[in-house]
Every structure is written in structure tokens, then in C-alpha cells.
Protein backbone atom coordinates (compact mmCIF):
# COMPACT_ATOMS: atom_id res chain seq x y z
CA GLN A 1 182.06 61.25 -93.20
CA VAL A 2 181.43 57.92 -94.32
CA GLN A 3 177.70 57.28 -94.09
CA LEU A 4 175.57 54.09 -95.12
CA VAL A 5 171.67 54.40 -94.37
CA GLU A 6 169.52 51.44 -95.00
CA SER A 7 165.80 51.55 -95.69
CA GLY A 8 163.18 49.20 -96.67
CA GLY A 9 162.29 47.04 -93.97
CA GLY A 10 159.59 46.12 -92.29
CA LEU A 11 156.67 43.63 -91.92
CA VAL A 12 155.42 41.06 -94.46
CA GLN A 13 153.83 37.93 -94.28
CA ALA A 14 155.48 34.39 -95.29
CA GLY A 15 155.83 34.32 -99.18
CA GLY A 16 155.96 38.08 -99.72
CA SER A 17 158.78 40.04 -100.97
CA LEU A 18 160.81 43.22 -99.43
CA LYS A 19 163.47 45.40 -101.39
CA LEU A 20 165.90 46.84 -99.07
CA SER A 21 167.94 50.08 -100.12
CA CYS A 22 171.26 51.69 -98.85
CA ALA A 23 172.42 54.98 -99.67
CA ALA A 24 175.88 55.82 -99.23
CA SER A 25 177.98 59.01 -98.94
CA GLY A 26 181.27 60.16 -97.94
CA LEU A 27 182.91 57.92 -99.86
CA THR A 28 183.73 56.67 -103.78
CA PHE A 29 180.95 54.43 -103.83
CA PRO A 30 182.19 52.37 -107.29
CA LYS A 31 185.65 51.90 -105.66
CA TYR A 32 183.76 49.62 -102.86
CA LEU A 33 182.48 46.30 -102.59
CA MET A 34 178.97 46.24 -101.22
CA GLY A 35 177.87 43.57 -98.68
CA TRP A 36 174.40 42.57 -96.90
CA PHE A 37 174.60 40.91 -93.73
CA ARG A 38 171.77 40.12 -91.31
CA GLN A 39 171.55 39.67 -87.63
CA ALA A 40 168.43 37.43 -85.57
CA PRO A 41 168.06 37.63 -82.44
CA GLY A 42 170.22 35.61 -80.02
CA LYS A 43 172.39 34.78 -83.23
CA GLU A 44 175.60 35.60 -84.79
CA ARG A 45 175.71 38.16 -87.69
CA GLU A 46 175.43 36.49 -90.90
CA TRP A 47 176.54 37.05 -94.49
CA VAL A 48 174.13 37.38 -97.14
CA ALA A 49 175.28 38.65 -100.32
CA SER A 50 177.98 40.66 -101.94
CA ILE A 51 178.16 42.52 -105.26
CA GLY A 52 181.29 43.95 -107.15
CA ARG A 53 182.34 47.23 -107.89
CA SER A 54 180.99 47.13 -111.58
CA GLY A 55 177.74 45.55 -110.38
CA ARG A 56 178.37 42.32 -112.75
CA ASP A 57 179.70 39.92 -110.16
CA THR A 58 177.31 38.84 -107.24
CA ILE A 59 177.66 35.96 -104.85
CA TYR A 60 174.85 34.51 -102.33
CA ALA A 61 174.58 32.64 -99.17
CA ASP A 62 173.08 29.15 -99.81
CA SER A 63 170.28 29.93 -97.48
CA VAL A 64 169.03 33.36 -99.58
CA LYS A 65 170.41 31.71 -103.46
CA GLY A 66 167.57 31.65 -105.63
CA ARG A 67 165.16 34.17 -103.51
CA PHE A 68 167.51 37.23 -102.67
CA THR A 69 169.08 39.46 -105.56
CA ILE A 70 171.74 41.98 -104.85
CA SER A 71 172.19 44.93 -107.16
CA ARG A 72 174.06 48.48 -107.18
CA ASP A 73 173.23 51.90 -108.98
CA ASN A 74 176.46 53.53 -108.88
CA ALA A 75 175.64 56.82 -110.04
CA GLY A 76 173.18 57.16 -107.18
CA SER A 77 175.46 55.44 -104.74
CA MET A 78 172.90 52.93 -103.95
CA VAL A 79 172.96 48.91 -103.10
CA PHE A 80 169.78 47.02 -103.30
CA LEU A 81 168.48 43.71 -102.03
CA GLN A 82 165.30 42.22 -103.28
CA MET A 83 163.78 39.55 -100.87
CA ASN A 84 161.17 37.36 -102.72
CA ARG A 85 159.68 34.34 -101.15
CA LEU A 86 160.57 35.38 -97.52
CA ASP A 87 160.51 33.07 -94.68
CA PRO A 88 160.29 33.47 -90.90
CA SER A 89 164.06 32.43 -90.68
CA ASP A 90 164.83 35.54 -92.85
CA THR A 91 163.80 37.62 -89.86
CA ALA A 92 166.54 40.02 -88.86
CA VAL A 93 168.59 43.28 -88.67
CA TYR A 94 169.93 43.67 -92.17
CA TYR A 95 172.81 45.85 -92.50
CA CYS A 96 174.66 47.01 -95.66
CA ALA A 97 178.70 47.27 -95.54
CA ALA A 98 181.38 48.77 -97.68
CA ASP A 99 184.77 46.96 -98.28
CA ARG A 100 187.22 48.96 -100.28
CA LYS A 101 190.01 45.94 -100.56
CA TYR A 102 188.49 42.61 -101.81
CA THR A 103 186.49 41.35 -104.45
CA THR A 104 183.61 38.74 -104.79
CA THR A 105 186.28 36.26 -105.98
CA HIS A 106 188.25 36.48 -102.41
CA PRO A 107 186.65 34.41 -99.65
CA ALA A 108 187.41 37.54 -97.18
CA SER A 109 184.26 39.42 -98.97
CA ARG A 110 182.00 36.74 -96.96
CA PHE A 111 183.11 37.95 -93.87
CA GLY A 112 182.17 40.87 -91.71
CA GLN A 113 185.28 41.89 -89.81
CA ASN A 114 186.70 42.69 -93.55
CA TYR A 115 184.19 45.41 -94.20
CA ASN A 116 185.24 49.13 -93.63
CA TYR A 117 181.85 50.85 -93.28
CA TRP A 118 178.53 49.73 -91.89
CA GLY A 119 175.03 51.11 -91.75
CA GLN A 120 172.48 51.06 -88.71
CA GLY A 121 170.74 48.39 -90.01
CA THR A 122 167.17 48.06 -90.72
CA GLN A 123 164.47 45.21 -89.17
CA VAL A 124 162.81 42.90 -91.42
CA THR A 125 160.40 40.63 -89.70
CA VAL A 126 158.26 37.80 -91.69
CA SER A 127 155.35 36.26 -90.01
CA SER A 128 153.95 32.94 -90.57
């Protein structure tokens, strides 16, 4: 049974930082592309970032580029999202997801419907 469990969310002031973690189990973690998505109240789910299987390749949405960093630890089956210079517009539930098929160079890696497994989400609230 595949499980993705996010943690690290919380309340932070604008300009602050948070680091999200996602622990994966029940899958051969190094074989999966990993992504972070977010969904704000009343808005559609938005892709944030993805990381390739080796950890060398990363891609980011324009809205977070230069502020967020995605990384992974294949030995520990973990993926992380370091979020700096947070803005109230970053307030959302953040989800990690795993995809067996695509790579970061394929456009499909930016769309949630292509990911096989999802976590339950962790709330990030940025106050102004």
C-alpha cells in the first residue's frame, strides 16, 4: 500500500520560511518522479515543482522560482520543499505526489492528473 505523508506546514509571517517534508512508503521511491502541488481555497490545484528520479533535475512554476527549492533523499524515501520569502499568496494546502512514468523534461510532469499517488496535504498559511 503506497503512502505519502506530508508534514511541516503551519502559520508563518510574510517573508518567512518553511520546509515541507513528504515521507513515502510502499513504493520503490527512486523510480518515481516526485512533485509538489498546492490548492488555495476556491482555486484549482496548482503545480509547484517537480524533481527527477536522481534528484539532479528540478523544475519550478514561475510563481515560486527563486524562492522554493525541491529536493529528495532516495535513501530515506523523502522529498522536501524549502519555501523562502513566503507571501500571503502562497497560502494553500500543499500536496506531494509521485509519478512512475514521466520525467521533468516532459510537459506531463506539470499536471496533477498524470501523477499516480498523492498525500493528504499539509496546510501552509502566510500572514501579512
